[in-house]
Amino acid sequence: MPALRLKTKLVFAITAMVVVIVASLAALYISEVVHQRIQEEYDLAEVITHHVFAVAKPALGVDLSSSKINLNDPLQVEAAVQELLQYDTGITALMESVTGDSQSILDASVVDAKDLALLHTNPILQGTIVAPREDFANVVHGGIWKQIKLIYGPAKTYEIRLSLIHVATGKAFGEVRVGVYTDFLKQQVQPQIQRARVFAGHVVDGAPERSQASPAGLKRDLGDRHGGLRQQPPCGLQPRRPGHRAGKDPSCPFIPPSPP
């Protein structure tokens, strides 16, 4: 019984060690995969945001002092800038192409200080009030648990924002916004996490069997089972009778019978 108890303790110890190691490696792998994919989508959306900002910025720097626009009237300034943006072929072409860069990029827009969409990739929303969404940076820098919640929670749209300043007035004019939809990101990351979980489960499930298959256990099984090999003398030491092979080993030499 003491030997059996010791073996049981060893099995539990080895199994626990395997579980801890596998769980740690699986958690590290999953966290790296999730963070890397979210970071990639954030970087792409941030690049698009800066591109739109760079193309829209010249319209905010146009000198309107020579026009009949009252620079102290924000409505007149906004109308003039909106007209410049809408007739700028460069920013129009860019706005039409941004959603094709990734399936996670939902839309892009240029809004004023009152959230009125001056330009929008969705023509239906142009000229309407567009409520701001949650900043995607909160997820990127929010830790692994918030990122896992994004992957397994309901699909949601986040956005990246960049402020626009009107050069003539020096006041905040509005923002460039790029929306990021998480459904495609979830479809990409969830299978990778599932494969890691299945692999870790297989390793943990087989740990008790592998821990019992020790050299000492194998030797004891071979020696004790049904009288075993320990009770079977070697081939050369078995009693030999003329006309029979020694023992049960077919490799033992044949001893011919003595002549009468």
Protein backbone atom coordinates (compact mmCIF):
# COMPACT_ATOMS: atom_id res chain seq x y z
CA MET A 1 0.00 0.00 0.00
CA PRO A 2 2.74 2.58 0.73
CA ALA A 3 4.14 2.07 -2.78
CA LEU A 4 0.67 2.55 -4.27
CA ARG A 5 0.14 5.74 -2.31
CA LEU A 6 3.49 7.09 -3.46
CA LYS A 7 2.66 6.29 -7.07
CA THR A 8 -0.68 8.07 -6.74
CA LYS A 9 1.01 11.12 -5.31
CA LEU A 10 3.51 11.15 -8.17
CA VAL A 11 0.70 10.88 -10.73
CA PHE A 12 -1.14 13.81 -9.18
CA ALA A 13 2.04 15.88 -8.94
CA ILE A 14 3.05 15.27 -12.55
CA THR A 15 -0.49 15.88 -13.78
CA ALA A 16 -0.73 19.15 -11.85
CA MET A 17 2.62 20.28 -13.22
CA VAL A 18 1.53 19.50 -16.78
CA VAL A 19 -1.76 21.36 -16.28
CA VAL A 20 0.02 24.46 -14.96
CA ILE A 21 2.59 24.50 -17.76
CA VAL A 22 0.05 23.88 -20.54
CA ALA A 23 -2.41 26.41 -19.13
CA SER A 24 0.32 29.05 -18.86
CA LEU A 25 1.55 28.49 -22.41
CA ALA A 26 -2.00 28.44 -23.80
CA ALA A 27 -2.88 31.67 -21.99
CA LEU A 28 0.30 33.33 -23.26
CA TYR A 29 -0.39 32.21 -26.83
CA ILE A 30 -4.03 33.33 -26.75
CA SER A 31 -3.17 36.74 -25.28
CA GLU A 32 -0.49 37.29 -27.93
CA VAL A 33 -2.80 36.30 -30.80
CA VAL A 34 -5.65 38.51 -29.55
CA HIS A 35 -3.45 41.53 -28.85
CA GLN A 36 -1.57 41.22 -32.15
CA ARG A 37 -4.72 41.05 -34.30
CA ILE A 38 -6.37 43.96 -32.47
CA GLN A 39 -3.17 46.00 -32.73
CA GLU A 40 -2.97 45.31 -36.48
CA GLU A 41 -6.52 46.57 -37.03
CA TYR A 42 -5.83 49.63 -34.89
CA ASP A 43 -2.65 50.46 -36.80
CA LEU A 44 -4.45 50.15 -40.14
CA ALA A 45 -7.33 52.37 -39.01
CA GLU A 46 -4.86 54.90 -37.60
CA VAL A 47 -3.01 55.07 -40.94
CA ILE A 48 -6.29 55.68 -42.78
CA THR A 49 -7.23 58.38 -40.27
CA HIS A 50 -3.95 60.22 -40.84
CA HIS A 51 -4.34 59.92 -44.62
CA VAL A 52 -7.79 61.48 -44.51
CA PHE A 53 -6.49 64.16 -42.15
CA ALA A 54 -3.56 64.99 -44.44
CA VAL A 55 -5.83 65.33 -47.49
CA ALA A 56 -8.50 67.34 -45.64
CA LYS A 57 -6.09 69.69 -43.89
CA PRO A 58 -5.38 71.98 -46.89
CA ALA A 59 -9.08 72.87 -47.13
CA LEU A 60 -8.87 74.16 -43.55
CA GLY A 61 -5.90 76.34 -44.44
CA VAL A 62 -7.48 78.20 -47.34
CA ASP A 63 -7.40 81.96 -46.79
CA LEU A 64 -11.02 83.08 -46.58
CA SER A 65 -10.26 86.68 -45.63
CA SER A 66 -10.52 87.86 -49.24
CA SER A 67 -13.98 86.35 -49.57
CA LYS A 68 -17.26 87.79 -48.37
CA ILE A 69 -17.40 85.26 -45.55
CA ASN A 70 -17.59 86.54 -42.00
CA LEU A 71 -14.81 84.63 -40.21
CA ASN A 72 -16.52 85.30 -36.87
CA ASP A 73 -19.58 83.41 -38.02
CA PRO A 74 -18.90 79.69 -37.54
CA LEU A 75 -21.81 78.71 -39.78
CA GLN A 76 -20.39 80.63 -42.75
CA VAL A 77 -16.89 79.24 -42.15
CA GLU A 78 -18.26 75.74 -41.87
CA ALA A 79 -20.26 76.08 -45.09
CA ALA A 80 -17.20 77.35 -46.96
CA VAL A 81 -14.96 74.54 -45.69
CA GLN A 82 -17.62 71.94 -46.44
CA GLU A 83 -17.86 73.19 -50.01
CA LEU A 84 -14.08 73.02 -50.37
CA LEU A 85 -14.02 69.46 -49.02
CA GLN A 86 -16.86 68.21 -51.20
CA TYR A 87 -15.31 69.56 -54.37
CA ASP A 88 -11.83 68.29 -53.57
CA THR A 89 -11.33 65.29 -55.88
CA GLY A 90 -8.39 64.00 -53.85
CA ILE A 91 -10.28 63.57 -50.60
CA THR A 92 -13.38 62.33 -52.43
CA ALA A 93 -11.36 59.55 -54.08
CA LEU A 94 -9.70 58.68 -50.78
CA MET A 95 -13.03 58.48 -48.95
CA GLU A 96 -14.36 56.11 -51.60
CA SER A 97 -11.39 53.76 -51.24
CA VAL A 98 -10.81 53.51 -47.48
CA THR A 99 -13.43 50.83 -46.82
CA GLY A 100 -11.69 48.50 -49.28
CA ASP A 101 -8.46 48.39 -47.27
CA SER A 102 -9.88 45.92 -44.74
CA GLN A 103 -13.17 44.20 -43.99
CA SER A 104 -12.95 45.59 -40.48
CA ILE A 105 -12.98 49.21 -41.68
CA LEU A 106 -16.65 50.16 -41.67
CA ASP A 107 -16.61 53.83 -42.66
CA ALA A 108 -14.78 57.14 -42.56
CA SER A 109 -16.06 60.64 -42.08
CA VAL A 110 -15.19 64.28 -41.54
CA VAL A 111 -17.46 65.93 -38.98
CA ASP A 112 -17.69 69.42 -37.58
CA ALA A 113 -17.70 70.45 -33.93
CA LYS A 114 -21.42 69.63 -33.68
CA ASP A 115 -20.97 66.07 -35.08
CA LEU A 116 -22.47 67.05 -38.43
CA ALA A 117 -21.01 64.81 -41.15
CA LEU A 118 -19.50 67.08 -43.79
CA LEU A 119 -18.10 64.07 -45.64
CA HIS A 120 -18.99 60.42 -45.13
CA THR A 121 -18.30 57.18 -46.97
CA ASN A 122 -22.00 56.39 -46.54
CA PRO A 123 -23.85 59.01 -48.65
CA ILE A 124 -27.01 58.53 -46.58
CA LEU A 125 -25.25 59.81 -43.45
CA GLN A 126 -23.64 62.81 -45.11
CA GLY A 127 -25.21 65.99 -43.82
CA THR A 128 -26.63 64.28 -40.72
CA ILE A 129 -25.60 64.22 -37.08
CA VAL A 130 -23.27 61.26 -36.43
CA ALA A 131 -22.86 60.35 -32.78
CA PRO A 132 -19.31 59.52 -31.68
CA ARG A 133 -18.47 55.90 -30.89
CA GLU A 134 -16.16 54.44 -28.28
CA ASP A 135 -12.50 55.08 -28.96
CA PHE A 136 -10.75 51.94 -30.24
CA ALA A 137 -7.64 52.94 -28.28
CA ASN A 138 -9.50 52.05 -25.08
CA VAL A 139 -9.54 48.42 -26.23
CA VAL A 140 -5.96 48.35 -27.51
CA HIS A 141 -4.60 49.70 -24.22
CA GLY A 142 -7.32 48.26 -21.98
CA GLY A 143 -5.66 44.94 -21.14
CA ILE A 144 -6.21 41.33 -22.17
CA TRP A 145 -9.57 40.87 -20.41
CA LYS A 146 -11.15 43.75 -22.31
CA GLN A 147 -9.71 42.39 -25.54
CA ILE A 148 -11.06 38.89 -24.84
CA LYS A 149 -14.46 40.46 -24.12
CA LEU A 150 -14.29 42.14 -27.53
CA ILE A 151 -13.57 38.79 -29.23
CA TYR A 152 -16.35 36.85 -27.47
CA GLY A 153 -18.82 39.65 -26.89
CA PRO A 154 -21.35 41.00 -29.38
CA ALA A 155 -20.03 42.70 -32.50
CA LYS A 156 -19.50 46.40 -31.99
CA THR A 157 -18.24 49.42 -33.91
CA TYR A 158 -15.38 51.48 -32.51
CA GLU A 159 -13.60 54.43 -34.06
CA ILE A 160 -10.35 56.33 -34.19
CA ARG A 161 -10.56 60.12 -34.08
CA LEU A 162 -8.20 62.92 -35.04
CA SER A 163 -9.03 66.58 -34.36
CA LEU A 164 -9.11 69.21 -37.10
CA ILE A 165 -8.10 72.81 -36.41
CA HIS A 166 -9.16 75.66 -38.69
CA VAL A 167 -6.09 77.67 -39.57
CA ALA A 168 -7.82 81.02 -40.07
CA THR A 169 -9.69 81.02 -36.77
CA GLY A 170 -7.36 78.81 -34.76
CA LYS A 171 -10.38 77.01 -33.31
CA ALA A 172 -11.29 73.35 -33.28
CA PHE A 173 -13.25 72.71 -36.46
CA GLY A 174 -14.16 69.03 -36.13
CA GLU A 175 -12.73 65.55 -36.42
CA VAL A 176 -11.69 62.84 -38.82
CA ARG A 177 -13.29 59.55 -37.76
CA VAL A 178 -12.65 56.00 -38.99
CA GLY A 179 -15.02 53.25 -37.83
CA VAL A 180 -13.77 49.75 -37.01
CA TYR A 181 -16.32 46.91 -36.92
CA THR A 182 -15.28 43.91 -34.81
CA ASP A 183 -17.31 41.12 -36.46
CA PHE A 184 -14.64 40.19 -39.03
CA LEU A 185 -11.94 40.39 -36.35
CA LYS A 186 -13.94 37.97 -34.17
CA GLN A 187 -14.29 35.51 -37.06
CA GLN A 188 -10.52 35.51 -37.56
CA VAL A 189 -9.39 35.18 -33.94
CA GLN A 190 -11.97 32.80 -32.46
CA PRO A 191 -10.86 29.73 -34.51
CA GLN A 192 -7.24 30.29 -33.48
CA ILE A 193 -8.22 30.42 -29.82
CA GLN A 194 -10.38 27.32 -30.19
CA ARG A 195 -7.52 25.34 -31.72
CA ALA A 196 -5.24 26.34 -28.84
CA ARG A 197 -7.87 25.29 -26.30
CA VAL A 198 -8.43 21.91 -27.97
CA PHE A 199 -4.70 21.21 -28.13
CA ALA A 200 -4.22 22.15 -24.48
CA GLY A 201 -7.17 19.93 -23.52
CA HIS A 202 -5.69 16.93 -25.29
CA VAL A 203 -2.35 17.42 -23.56
CA VAL A 204 -3.97 17.73 -20.13
CA ASP A 205 -6.27 14.74 -20.67
CA GLY A 206 -3.32 12.49 -21.54
CA ALA A 207 -1.13 13.64 -18.66
CA PRO A 208 -2.27 10.99 -16.08
CA GLU A 209 -1.69 8.10 -18.50
CA ARG A 210 1.75 9.35 -19.46
CA SER A 211 2.72 9.94 -15.84
CA GLN A 212 1.90 6.30 -14.95
CA ALA A 213 3.91 4.89 -17.84
CA SER A 214 7.20 5.19 -15.94
CA PRO A 215 10.11 2.79 -16.48
CA ALA A 216 9.64 1.31 -12.99
CA GLY A 217 5.95 0.72 -13.66
CA LEU A 218 6.64 -0.93 -16.98
CA LYS A 219 9.28 -3.21 -15.43
CA ARG A 220 6.94 -4.20 -12.62
CA ASP A 221 4.11 -4.92 -15.06
CA LEU A 222 6.34 -7.10 -17.20
CA GLY A 223 7.77 -8.94 -14.23
CA ASP A 224 4.61 -9.55 -12.21
CA ARG A 225 1.91 -10.19 -14.78
CA HIS A 226 0.78 -13.84 -14.70
CA GLY A 227 3.98 -15.21 -13.35
CA GLY A 228 5.86 -12.96 -15.73
CA LEU A 229 9.29 -12.96 -17.17
CA ARG A 230 10.99 -12.89 -13.78
CA GLN A 231 9.88 -16.47 -13.16
CA GLN A 232 10.96 -17.61 -16.61
CA PRO A 233 14.60 -18.73 -16.56
CA PRO A 234 16.86 -17.65 -19.37
CA CYS A 235 16.99 -19.88 -22.39
CA GLY A 236 20.41 -21.34 -21.62
CA LEU A 237 19.49 -22.22 -18.02
CA GLN A 238 16.24 -24.05 -18.71
CA PRO A 239 16.17 -27.84 -18.35
CA ARG A 240 16.76 -29.45 -21.69
CA ARG A 241 15.20 -32.67 -22.84
CA PRO A 242 16.47 -34.41 -25.89
CA GLY A 243 14.33 -33.77 -28.93
CA HIS A 244 12.78 -30.58 -27.52
CA ARG A 245 13.66 -26.94 -27.76
CA ALA A 246 14.67 -25.37 -24.48
CA GLY A 247 11.83 -23.42 -22.91
CA LYS A 248 9.27 -21.61 -24.99
CA ASP A 249 11.72 -19.45 -26.87
CA PRO A 250 11.90 -20.63 -30.49
CA SER A 251 15.36 -19.12 -30.75
CA CYS A 252 16.83 -21.66 -28.31
CA PRO A 253 18.98 -24.32 -30.02
CA PHE A 254 17.51 -27.71 -30.84
CA ILE A 255 19.11 -30.65 -28.95
CA PRO A 256 18.96 -33.87 -30.96
CA PRO A 257 18.10 -37.12 -29.10
CA SER A 258 20.96 -39.37 -27.99
CA PRO A 259 21.56 -42.45 -30.19
CA PRO A 260 20.31 -45.75 -28.69
